Amino acid sequence: MHGALMHEYSTDLPISVIEEPVHWHALFVASGSEPKAVWWLRRRQFKPYWARYRGEPNRIQARRTIRWKSVIPGYLFLPIPMDRHIDSDFFEFAPGIHDFMRTSSGNVVLLSEMEIDQIRSIEDALQASIIAAGQNIPFKVGQKVRIVKPGIDAKIVGITSKWKIIVEAQFLGAPRQWTLAGSEIEAI
């Protein structure tokens, strides 16, 4: 139920949840202004989808803060019920929001649920491992693999590059860690 607008109706009967059909719209946002735009939209009862992943923490400040990075910088995705119409003037005072994404003829582009799911799958891959997603490594942290040479089953505990995948396996009665290349392991 990602992104679908849901309304709860309170009655004496149990709460029922009704899912309304929606159109997905892409919004142009100034790069770096995504958090402010999400906050502004949420204050107006919208449920924007910001495809993001956890970046490196900011170590300069006294306390470590989470730095979110956009999967697609400069875009937010907004589900709008089919019976509701919003024109561009609505975003006139929105922080960082420019307009809807439009075709060359000026029509607003509507995205399908399948396209939003593809963006979510990219987001999930980046959340699992930024390095693995960026270097097209077919493994992720926590995945069970087999070390090819001795044929030992292991679990991936870290990925630093294609040539440095850290695996952990039981060897001689104790857990051991090895740093191996991607060609030295295979998925189970």
N, C-alpha and C. Protein backbone atom coordinates (compact mmCIF):
# COMPACT_ATOMS: atom_id res chain seq x y z
N MET A 1 0.81 -1.18 0.00
CA MET A 1 0.00 0.00 0.00
C MET A 1 0.86 1.25 0.00
N HIS A 2 1.95 1.18 -0.74
CA HIS A 2 2.84 2.34 -0.82
C HIS A 2 2.14 3.49 -1.51
N GLY A 3 2.11 4.61 -0.88
CA GLY A 3 1.70 5.85 -1.51
C GLY A 3 0.21 6.02 -1.76
N ALA A 4 -0.62 4.98 -1.58
CA ALA A 4 -2.03 5.14 -1.87
C ALA A 4 -2.66 6.01 -0.79
N LEU A 5 -3.50 6.91 -1.20
CA LEU A 5 -4.20 7.76 -0.24
C LEU A 5 -5.28 6.93 0.44
N MET A 6 -5.31 7.03 1.73
CA MET A 6 -6.28 6.23 2.48
C MET A 6 -7.02 7.15 3.44
N HIS A 7 -8.30 6.91 3.60
CA HIS A 7 -9.11 7.69 4.52
C HIS A 7 -9.74 6.73 5.52
N GLU A 8 -9.76 7.13 6.76
CA GLU A 8 -10.40 6.34 7.79
C GLU A 8 -11.71 7.04 8.16
N TYR A 9 -12.77 6.29 8.15
CA TYR A 9 -14.07 6.84 8.50
C TYR A 9 -14.44 6.31 9.87
N SER A 10 -14.69 7.20 10.81
CA SER A 10 -15.01 6.75 12.17
C SER A 10 -16.52 6.59 12.31
N THR A 11 -16.90 5.41 12.67
CA THR A 11 -18.30 5.10 12.98
C THR A 11 -18.29 4.19 14.20
N ASP A 12 -19.45 3.72 14.58
CA ASP A 12 -19.52 2.76 15.68
C ASP A 12 -19.02 1.39 15.24
N LEU A 13 -19.03 1.16 13.96
CA LEU A 13 -18.54 -0.09 13.41
C LEU A 13 -17.02 -0.06 13.38
N PRO A 14 -16.37 -1.19 13.16
CA PRO A 14 -14.90 -1.17 13.05
C PRO A 14 -14.45 -0.23 11.94
N ILE A 15 -13.26 0.32 12.11
CA ILE A 15 -12.73 1.28 11.14
C ILE A 15 -12.48 0.58 9.81
N SER A 16 -13.00 1.15 8.76
CA SER A 16 -12.77 0.59 7.43
C SER A 16 -11.81 1.51 6.68
N VAL A 17 -10.97 0.93 5.89
CA VAL A 17 -10.00 1.69 5.12
C VAL A 17 -10.36 1.56 3.65
N ILE A 18 -10.56 2.69 3.02
CA ILE A 18 -10.95 2.70 1.61
C ILE A 18 -9.80 3.28 0.81
N GLU A 19 -9.39 2.57 -0.21
CA GLU A 19 -8.29 3.02 -1.05
C GLU A 19 -8.86 3.69 -2.30
N GLU A 20 -8.50 4.92 -2.51
CA GLU A 20 -8.98 5.66 -3.67
C GLU A 20 -8.02 5.49 -4.83
N PRO A 21 -8.54 5.40 -6.06
CA PRO A 21 -7.63 5.35 -7.21
C PRO A 21 -6.91 6.69 -7.37
N VAL A 22 -5.63 6.63 -7.68
CA VAL A 22 -4.82 7.84 -7.77
C VAL A 22 -4.06 7.88 -9.08
N HIS A 23 -3.67 9.10 -9.45
CA HIS A 23 -2.73 9.35 -10.54
C HIS A 23 -1.43 9.79 -9.88
N TRP A 24 -0.31 9.25 -10.33
CA TRP A 24 0.99 9.68 -9.82
C TRP A 24 1.52 10.79 -10.71
N HIS A 25 1.96 11.88 -10.09
CA HIS A 25 2.54 13.01 -10.80
C HIS A 25 3.97 13.20 -10.33
N ALA A 26 4.84 13.62 -11.22
CA ALA A 26 6.21 13.97 -10.85
C ALA A 26 6.28 15.48 -10.72
N LEU A 27 6.91 15.95 -9.66
CA LEU A 27 7.08 17.38 -9.42
C LEU A 27 8.54 17.75 -9.60
N PHE A 28 8.80 18.83 -10.33
CA PHE A 28 10.16 19.39 -10.40
C PHE A 28 10.41 20.17 -9.12
N VAL A 29 11.53 19.86 -8.46
CA VAL A 29 11.89 20.52 -7.21
C VAL A 29 13.34 20.96 -7.34
N ALA A 30 13.67 22.09 -6.77
CA ALA A 30 15.06 22.53 -6.75
C ALA A 30 15.88 21.49 -6.01
N SER A 31 16.99 21.08 -6.60
CA SER A 31 17.83 20.06 -5.99
C SER A 31 18.30 20.52 -4.61
N GLY A 32 18.10 19.67 -3.62
CA GLY A 32 18.44 20.02 -2.25
C GLY A 32 17.26 20.55 -1.46
N SER A 33 16.17 20.90 -2.14
CA SER A 33 14.98 21.43 -1.47
C SER A 33 13.91 20.37 -1.23
N GLU A 34 14.24 19.13 -1.49
CA GLU A 34 13.26 18.05 -1.35
C GLU A 34 12.68 17.96 0.06
N PRO A 35 13.51 18.02 1.13
CA PRO A 35 12.91 17.92 2.48
C PRO A 35 11.93 19.05 2.80
N LYS A 36 12.25 20.27 2.39
CA LYS A 36 11.34 21.39 2.64
C LYS A 36 10.04 21.23 1.86
N ALA A 37 10.15 20.76 0.61
CA ALA A 37 8.96 20.58 -0.21
C ALA A 37 8.09 19.46 0.35
N VAL A 38 8.69 18.38 0.83
CA VAL A 38 7.92 17.28 1.43
C VAL A 38 7.19 17.80 2.67
N TRP A 39 7.88 18.55 3.51
CA TRP A 39 7.25 19.11 4.70
C TRP A 39 6.06 20.00 4.32
N TRP A 40 6.26 20.88 3.32
CA TRP A 40 5.21 21.79 2.89
C TRP A 40 4.00 21.02 2.37
N LEU A 41 4.23 19.97 1.58
CA LEU A 41 3.12 19.18 1.03
C LEU A 41 2.39 18.41 2.13
N ARG A 42 3.14 17.86 3.07
CA ARG A 42 2.50 17.11 4.16
C ARG A 42 1.64 18.02 5.03
N ARG A 43 2.07 19.27 5.21
CA ARG A 43 1.27 20.22 5.98
C ARG A 43 -0.06 20.52 5.29
N ARG A 44 -0.14 20.27 4.00
CA ARG A 44 -1.36 20.50 3.23
C ARG A 44 -2.08 19.19 2.91
N GLN A 45 -1.83 18.17 3.73
CA GLN A 45 -2.52 16.87 3.68
C GLN A 45 -2.23 16.04 2.44
N PHE A 46 -1.08 16.25 1.80
CA PHE A 46 -0.65 15.40 0.70
C PHE A 46 0.30 14.35 1.24
N LYS A 47 0.53 13.30 0.48
CA LYS A 47 1.45 12.24 0.88
C LYS A 47 2.50 12.07 -0.22
N PRO A 48 3.47 12.98 -0.28
CA PRO A 48 4.48 12.90 -1.34
C PRO A 48 5.43 11.72 -1.11
N TYR A 49 5.96 11.21 -2.20
CA TYR A 49 6.95 10.14 -2.14
C TYR A 49 8.28 10.71 -2.59
N TRP A 50 9.25 10.72 -1.69
CA TRP A 50 10.60 11.19 -1.99
C TRP A 50 11.49 9.96 -2.00
N ALA A 51 11.95 9.56 -3.17
CA ALA A 51 12.84 8.40 -3.29
C ALA A 51 14.22 8.82 -2.78
N ARG A 52 14.64 8.23 -1.66
CA ARG A 52 15.88 8.66 -1.02
C ARG A 52 16.57 7.47 -0.38
N TYR A 53 17.82 7.68 -0.06
CA TYR A 53 18.59 6.66 0.66
C TYR A 53 19.51 7.35 1.64
N ARG A 54 19.95 6.59 2.61
CA ARG A 54 20.79 7.11 3.69
C ARG A 54 22.21 7.29 3.17
N GLY A 55 22.69 8.52 3.20
CA GLY A 55 24.06 8.82 2.78
C GLY A 55 25.01 8.74 3.95
N GLU A 56 26.22 9.14 3.72
CA GLU A 56 27.21 9.17 4.80
C GLU A 56 26.81 10.19 5.85
N PRO A 57 26.98 9.86 7.14
CA PRO A 57 26.61 10.83 8.18
C PRO A 57 27.53 12.04 8.16
N ASN A 58 26.98 13.18 8.57
CA ASN A 58 27.74 14.42 8.62
C ASN A 58 28.59 14.39 9.89
N ARG A 59 29.91 14.25 9.73
CA ARG A 59 30.81 14.11 10.87
C ARG A 59 31.40 15.43 11.32
N ILE A 60 31.13 16.50 10.62
CA ILE A 60 31.70 17.79 10.97
C ILE A 60 31.03 18.35 12.22
N GLN A 61 29.75 18.17 12.33
CA GLN A 61 29.02 18.70 13.47
C GLN A 61 29.32 17.88 14.72
N ALA A 62 29.01 18.43 15.86
CA ALA A 62 29.25 17.75 17.13
C ALA A 62 28.44 16.46 17.23
N ARG A 63 27.23 16.48 16.73
CA ARG A 63 26.42 15.26 16.73
C ARG A 63 26.28 14.78 15.30
N ARG A 64 26.22 13.49 15.16
CA ARG A 64 26.11 12.90 13.83
C ARG A 64 24.66 12.97 13.36
N THR A 65 24.43 13.49 12.20
CA THR A 65 23.09 13.59 11.65
C THR A 65 22.99 12.74 10.39
N ILE A 66 21.80 12.29 10.11
CA ILE A 66 21.57 11.49 8.91
C ILE A 66 21.50 12.43 7.71
N ARG A 67 22.22 12.08 6.67
CA ARG A 67 22.16 12.85 5.43
C ARG A 67 21.42 12.01 4.40
N TRP A 68 20.25 12.45 4.02
CA TRP A 68 19.47 11.74 3.01
C TRP A 68 19.88 12.24 1.63
N LYS A 69 20.01 11.32 0.69
CA LYS A 69 20.31 11.67 -0.69
C LYS A 69 19.17 11.21 -1.57
N SER A 70 18.86 11.99 -2.58
CA SER A 70 17.78 11.65 -3.49
C SER A 70 18.23 10.59 -4.49
N VAL A 71 17.35 9.65 -4.75
CA VAL A 71 17.61 8.67 -5.80
C VAL A 71 17.56 9.37 -7.15
N ILE A 72 16.58 10.24 -7.32
CA ILE A 72 16.44 11.05 -8.52
C ILE A 72 16.41 12.51 -8.06
N PRO A 73 17.57 13.17 -8.01
CA PRO A 73 17.60 14.54 -7.49
C PRO A 73 16.69 15.47 -8.29
N GLY A 74 15.96 16.30 -7.55
CA GLY A 74 15.09 17.29 -8.19
C GLY A 74 13.69 16.80 -8.50
N TYR A 75 13.31 15.63 -7.99
CA TYR A 75 11.96 15.10 -8.26
C TYR A 75 11.31 14.60 -6.99
N LEU A 76 10.03 14.87 -6.86
CA LEU A 76 9.16 14.26 -5.87
C LEU A 76 8.00 13.65 -6.64
N PHE A 77 7.37 12.66 -6.06
CA PHE A 77 6.26 11.99 -6.71
C PHE A 77 5.04 12.14 -5.81
N LEU A 78 3.94 12.54 -6.42
CA LEU A 78 2.76 12.91 -5.66
C LEU A 78 1.55 12.13 -6.16
N PRO A 79 0.93 11.31 -5.27
CA PRO A 79 -0.33 10.65 -5.66
C PRO A 79 -1.49 11.61 -5.44
N ILE A 80 -2.26 11.81 -6.47
CA ILE A 80 -3.42 12.71 -6.39
C ILE A 80 -4.65 11.91 -6.79
N PRO A 81 -5.70 11.93 -5.97
CA PRO A 81 -6.92 11.19 -6.33
C PRO A 81 -7.43 11.62 -7.70
N MET A 82 -8.02 10.66 -8.41
CA MET A 82 -8.48 10.94 -9.77
C MET A 82 -9.55 12.02 -9.83
N ASP A 83 -10.33 12.17 -8.76
CA ASP A 83 -11.40 13.16 -8.78
C ASP A 83 -10.94 14.55 -8.36
N ARG A 84 -9.64 14.72 -8.09
CA ARG A 84 -9.13 16.02 -7.64
C ARG A 84 -8.22 16.62 -8.71
N HIS A 85 -8.35 17.90 -8.93
CA HIS A 85 -7.53 18.60 -9.91
C HIS A 85 -6.71 19.68 -9.20
N ILE A 86 -5.42 19.71 -9.48
CA ILE A 86 -4.54 20.72 -8.89
C ILE A 86 -3.81 21.41 -10.04
N ASP A 87 -3.88 22.72 -10.09
CA ASP A 87 -3.15 23.41 -11.14
C ASP A 87 -1.82 23.94 -10.59
N SER A 88 -1.00 24.44 -11.47
CA SER A 88 0.35 24.88 -11.12
C SER A 88 0.38 26.06 -10.17
N ASP A 89 -0.68 26.86 -10.14
CA ASP A 89 -0.72 28.02 -9.24
C ASP A 89 -0.69 27.61 -7.77
N PHE A 90 -1.10 26.38 -7.49
CA PHE A 90 -1.10 25.88 -6.12
C PHE A 90 0.32 25.88 -5.54
N PHE A 91 1.33 25.68 -6.39
CA PHE A 91 2.72 25.58 -5.95
C PHE A 91 3.46 26.92 -5.99
N GLU A 92 2.76 28.00 -6.21
CA GLU A 92 3.40 29.30 -6.35
C GLU A 92 4.25 29.68 -5.14
N PHE A 93 3.76 29.37 -3.94
CA PHE A 93 4.50 29.75 -2.72
C PHE A 93 5.17 28.55 -2.05
N ALA A 94 5.19 27.42 -2.73
CA ALA A 94 5.83 26.22 -2.17
C ALA A 94 7.34 26.36 -2.22
N PRO A 95 8.04 25.98 -1.15
CA PRO A 95 9.50 26.10 -1.14
C PRO A 95 10.17 25.09 -2.06
N GLY A 96 10.75 25.58 -3.11
CA GLY A 96 11.52 24.74 -4.01
C GLY A 96 10.75 24.03 -5.10
N ILE A 97 9.43 23.98 -5.03
CA ILE A 97 8.65 23.28 -6.05
C ILE A 97 8.44 24.21 -7.23
N HIS A 98 8.80 23.73 -8.42
CA HIS A 98 8.65 24.54 -9.63
C HIS A 98 7.32 24.27 -10.32
N ASP A 99 7.09 23.01 -10.70
CA ASP A 99 5.88 22.68 -11.46
C ASP A 99 5.79 21.17 -11.62
N PHE A 100 4.69 20.72 -12.20
CA PHE A 100 4.56 19.32 -12.58
C PHE A 100 5.49 19.02 -13.76
N MET A 101 5.90 17.77 -13.90
CA MET A 101 6.64 17.36 -15.10
C MET A 101 5.62 17.31 -16.24
N ARG A 102 5.99 17.88 -17.38
CA ARG A 102 5.07 17.99 -18.52
C ARG A 102 5.68 17.42 -19.79
N THR A 103 4.80 17.05 -20.72
CA THR A 103 5.25 16.60 -22.04
C THR A 103 5.63 17.83 -22.86
N SER A 104 6.13 17.61 -24.06
CA SER A 104 6.52 18.73 -24.92
C SER A 104 5.30 19.56 -25.34
N SER A 105 4.11 18.96 -25.32
CA SER A 105 2.90 19.71 -25.67
C SER A 105 2.30 20.42 -24.46
N GLY A 106 2.89 20.28 -23.27
CA GLY A 106 2.42 20.99 -22.10
C GLY A 106 1.48 20.22 -21.20
N ASN A 107 1.18 18.97 -21.56
CA ASN A 107 0.30 18.15 -20.73
C ASN A 107 1.07 17.57 -19.54
N VAL A 108 0.40 17.45 -18.41
CA VAL A 108 1.02 16.88 -17.21
C VAL A 108 1.25 15.39 -17.44
N VAL A 109 2.45 14.92 -17.11
CA VAL A 109 2.80 13.51 -17.26
C VAL A 109 2.23 12.72 -16.09
N LEU A 110 1.52 11.64 -16.39
CA LEU A 110 1.00 10.75 -15.37
C LEU A 110 1.87 9.50 -15.35
N LEU A 111 2.26 9.09 -14.15
CA LEU A 111 3.09 7.91 -14.00
C LEU A 111 2.24 6.73 -13.53
N SER A 112 2.62 5.54 -13.96
CA SER A 112 1.88 4.35 -13.56
C SER A 112 2.44 3.82 -12.24
N GLU A 113 1.69 2.96 -11.60
CA GLU A 113 2.13 2.33 -10.35
C GLU A 113 3.37 1.47 -10.61
N MET A 114 3.47 0.89 -11.80
CA MET A 114 4.64 0.08 -12.16
C MET A 114 5.91 0.94 -12.20
N GLU A 115 5.81 2.15 -12.73
CA GLU A 115 6.96 3.05 -12.77
C GLU A 115 7.38 3.47 -11.36
N ILE A 116 6.42 3.71 -10.49
CA ILE A 116 6.73 4.05 -9.10
C ILE A 116 7.38 2.85 -8.41
N ASP A 117 6.91 1.64 -8.69
CA ASP A 117 7.52 0.44 -8.11
C ASP A 117 8.96 0.25 -8.57
N GLN A 118 9.27 0.61 -9.81
CA GLN A 118 10.65 0.54 -10.30
C GLN A 118 11.54 1.52 -9.53
N ILE A 119 11.03 2.70 -9.26
CA ILE A 119 11.79 3.68 -8.49
C ILE A 119 12.00 3.16 -7.07
N ARG A 120 10.98 2.53 -6.50
CA ARG A 120 11.10 1.95 -5.16
C ARG A 120 12.14 0.83 -5.12
N SER A 121 12.22 0.03 -6.18
CA SER A 121 13.21 -1.06 -6.20
C SER A 121 14.63 -0.49 -6.27
N ILE A 122 14.82 0.60 -6.99
CA ILE A 122 16.14 1.26 -7.02
C ILE A 122 16.45 1.81 -5.63
N GLU A 123 15.47 2.41 -5.00
CA GLU A 123 15.65 2.95 -3.65
C GLU A 123 16.03 1.84 -2.67
N ASP A 124 15.35 0.69 -2.76
CA ASP A 124 15.65 -0.44 -1.87
C ASP A 124 17.07 -0.95 -2.09
N ALA A 125 17.50 -1.01 -3.36
CA ALA A 125 18.87 -1.46 -3.65
C ALA A 125 19.90 -0.50 -3.06
N LEU A 126 19.64 0.79 -3.16
CA LEU A 126 20.57 1.78 -2.59
C LEU A 126 20.56 1.73 -1.07
N GLN A 127 19.40 1.47 -0.47
CA GLN A 127 19.34 1.35 0.98
C GLN A 127 20.13 0.14 1.46
N ALA A 128 20.08 -0.97 0.70
CA ALA A 128 20.79 -2.18 1.11
C ALA A 128 22.29 -1.96 1.09
N SER A 129 22.81 -1.40 0.01
CA SER A 129 24.24 -1.14 -0.09
C SER A 129 24.48 -0.14 -1.20
N ILE A 130 24.97 1.02 -0.83
CA ILE A 130 25.26 2.06 -1.82
C ILE A 130 26.34 1.59 -2.78
N ILE A 131 27.36 0.94 -2.23
CA ILE A 131 28.47 0.46 -3.06
C ILE A 131 28.01 -0.63 -4.00
N ALA A 132 27.23 -1.60 -3.49
CA ALA A 132 26.76 -2.70 -4.33
C ALA A 132 25.88 -2.19 -5.47
N ALA A 133 25.02 -1.25 -5.19
CA ALA A 133 24.15 -0.71 -6.23
C ALA A 133 24.94 0.11 -7.24
N GLY A 134 25.88 0.90 -6.77
CA GLY A 134 26.64 1.76 -7.66
C GLY A 134 27.61 1.02 -8.57
N GLN A 135 28.14 -0.11 -8.09
CA GLN A 135 29.11 -0.85 -8.89
C GLN A 135 28.51 -2.10 -9.52
N ASN A 136 27.19 -2.24 -9.49
CA ASN A 136 26.48 -3.34 -10.11
C ASN A 136 26.93 -4.69 -9.55
N ILE A 137 27.07 -4.77 -8.25
CA ILE A 137 27.44 -6.01 -7.58
C ILE A 137 26.15 -6.78 -7.30
N PRO A 138 26.07 -8.05 -7.72
CA PRO A 138 24.80 -8.79 -7.58
C PRO A 138 24.54 -9.34 -6.18
N PHE A 139 25.25 -8.87 -5.17
CA PHE A 139 25.08 -9.36 -3.81
C PHE A 139 24.65 -8.22 -2.89
N LYS A 140 24.09 -8.60 -1.74
CA LYS A 140 23.73 -7.59 -0.74
C LYS A 140 24.08 -8.11 0.64
N VAL A 141 24.22 -7.21 1.58
CA VAL A 141 24.57 -7.57 2.96
C VAL A 141 23.45 -8.43 3.54
N GLY A 142 23.85 -9.52 4.21
CA GLY A 142 22.89 -10.44 4.80
C GLY A 142 22.55 -11.62 3.91
N GLN A 143 22.96 -11.60 2.66
CA GLN A 143 22.65 -12.66 1.71
C GLN A 143 23.50 -13.89 2.00
N LYS A 144 22.91 -15.08 1.85
CA LYS A 144 23.64 -16.33 2.01
C LYS A 144 24.31 -16.67 0.69
N VAL A 145 25.61 -16.99 0.76
CA VAL A 145 26.41 -17.32 -0.42
C VAL A 145 27.25 -18.56 -0.14
N ARG A 146 27.91 -19.04 -1.17
CA ARG A 146 28.84 -20.16 -1.04
C ARG A 146 30.20 -19.69 -1.52
N ILE A 147 31.23 -19.96 -0.70
CA ILE A 147 32.60 -19.68 -1.12
C ILE A 147 32.97 -20.78 -2.10
N VAL A 148 33.36 -20.43 -3.32
CA VAL A 148 33.52 -21.38 -4.42
C VAL A 148 34.60 -22.44 -4.13
N LYS A 149 35.81 -22.05 -3.80
CA LYS A 149 36.94 -22.99 -3.66
C LYS A 149 36.67 -24.08 -2.63
N PRO A 150 36.51 -23.75 -1.35
CA PRO A 150 36.30 -24.86 -0.41
C PRO A 150 34.85 -25.35 -0.37
N GLY A 151 33.91 -24.59 -0.95
CA GLY A 151 32.50 -25.00 -0.95
C GLY A 151 31.82 -24.79 0.38
N ILE A 152 32.19 -23.75 1.11
CA ILE A 152 31.63 -23.45 2.42
C ILE A 152 30.50 -22.43 2.27
N ASP A 153 29.39 -22.70 2.98
CA ASP A 153 28.28 -21.73 3.00
C ASP A 153 28.64 -20.58 3.93
N ALA A 154 28.31 -19.35 3.53
CA ALA A 154 28.66 -18.17 4.30
C ALA A 154 27.55 -17.14 4.18
N LYS A 155 27.75 -16.05 4.89
CA LYS A 155 26.80 -14.93 4.87
C LYS A 155 27.59 -13.65 4.65
N ILE A 156 27.11 -12.77 3.79
CA ILE A 156 27.80 -11.50 3.51
C ILE A 156 27.53 -10.55 4.67
N VAL A 157 28.61 -10.00 5.23
CA VAL A 157 28.47 -9.05 6.35
C VAL A 157 28.88 -7.64 5.96
N GLY A 158 29.52 -7.48 4.80
CA GLY A 158 29.92 -6.15 4.36
C GLY A 158 30.38 -6.15 2.92
N ILE A 159 30.19 -5.04 2.24
CA ILE A 159 30.64 -4.87 0.86
C ILE A 159 31.36 -3.54 0.78
N THR A 160 32.64 -3.58 0.39
CA THR A 160 33.39 -2.34 0.25
C THR A 160 33.70 -2.03 -1.20
N SER A 161 33.77 -3.06 -2.05
CA SER A 161 33.95 -2.89 -3.50
C SER A 161 33.71 -4.25 -4.15
N LYS A 162 33.84 -4.32 -5.48
CA LYS A 162 33.68 -5.59 -6.19
C LYS A 162 34.71 -6.62 -5.74
N TRP A 163 35.84 -6.13 -5.32
CA TRP A 163 36.95 -7.02 -4.97
C TRP A 163 37.07 -7.21 -3.47
N LYS A 164 36.24 -6.56 -2.69
CA LYS A 164 36.30 -6.69 -1.24
C LYS A 164 34.90 -6.90 -0.67
N ILE A 165 34.48 -8.16 -0.67
CA ILE A 165 33.21 -8.54 -0.08
C ILE A 165 33.54 -9.36 1.16
N ILE A 166 33.06 -8.90 2.30
CA ILE A 166 33.39 -9.55 3.56
C ILE A 166 32.30 -10.57 3.87
N VAL A 167 32.73 -11.84 4.02
CA VAL A 167 31.80 -12.93 4.32
C VAL A 167 32.17 -13.54 5.66
N GLU A 168 31.16 -14.12 6.31
CA GLU A 168 31.38 -14.80 7.59
C GLU A 168 30.84 -16.21 7.47
N ALA A 169 31.64 -17.19 7.93
CA ALA A 169 31.24 -18.59 7.86
C ALA A 169 31.77 -19.33 9.08
N GLN A 170 31.15 -20.45 9.40
CA GLN A 170 31.64 -21.32 10.46
C GLN A 170 32.80 -22.13 9.91
N PHE A 171 33.93 -22.03 10.55
CA PHE A 171 35.13 -22.76 10.11
C PHE A 171 35.87 -23.23 11.35
N LEU A 172 36.05 -24.54 11.45
CA LEU A 172 36.70 -25.16 12.60
C LEU A 172 36.00 -24.80 13.91
N GLY A 173 34.67 -24.77 13.86
CA GLY A 173 33.88 -24.57 15.05
C GLY A 173 33.70 -23.14 15.52
N ALA A 174 34.21 -22.18 14.79
CA ALA A 174 34.08 -20.78 15.20
C ALA A 174 33.74 -19.92 13.97
N PRO A 175 33.02 -18.80 14.19
CA PRO A 175 32.76 -17.92 13.05
C PRO A 175 34.03 -17.19 12.62
N ARG A 176 34.31 -17.21 11.33
CA ARG A 176 35.48 -16.54 10.77
C ARG A 176 35.03 -15.60 9.66
N GLN A 177 35.78 -14.53 9.47
CA GLN A 177 35.49 -13.58 8.39
C GLN A 177 36.61 -13.60 7.36
N TRP A 178 36.22 -13.54 6.08
CA TRP A 178 37.17 -13.46 4.98
C TRP A 178 36.78 -12.30 4.07
N THR A 179 37.77 -11.70 3.47
CA THR A 179 37.54 -10.68 2.45
C THR A 179 37.83 -11.32 1.11
N LEU A 180 36.80 -11.42 0.27
CA LEU A 180 36.92 -12.12 -1.01
C LEU A 180 36.46 -11.23 -2.15
N ALA A 181 36.87 -11.61 -3.35
CA ALA A 181 36.38 -10.93 -4.55
C ALA A 181 35.02 -11.50 -4.91
N GLY A 182 34.25 -10.75 -5.67
CA GLY A 182 32.93 -11.20 -6.08
C GLY A 182 32.96 -12.47 -6.91
N SER A 183 34.06 -12.74 -7.61
CA SER A 183 34.19 -13.95 -8.42
C SER A 183 34.45 -15.18 -7.58
N GLU A 184 34.81 -15.01 -6.30
CA GLU A 184 35.12 -16.13 -5.43
C GLU A 184 33.91 -16.64 -4.66
N ILE A 185 32.77 -15.99 -4.81
CA ILE A 185 31.56 -16.44 -4.14
C ILE A 185 30.43 -16.56 -5.16
N GLU A 186 29.42 -17.36 -4.78
CA GLU A 186 28.24 -17.51 -5.63
C GLU A 186 27.00 -17.52 -4.76
N ALA A 187 25.91 -17.06 -5.31
CA ALA A 187 24.65 -17.02 -4.57
C ALA A 187 24.11 -18.43 -4.39
N ILE A 188 23.45 -18.65 -3.24
CA ILE A 188 22.85 -19.97 -2.99
C ILE A 188 21.42 -19.93 -3.45
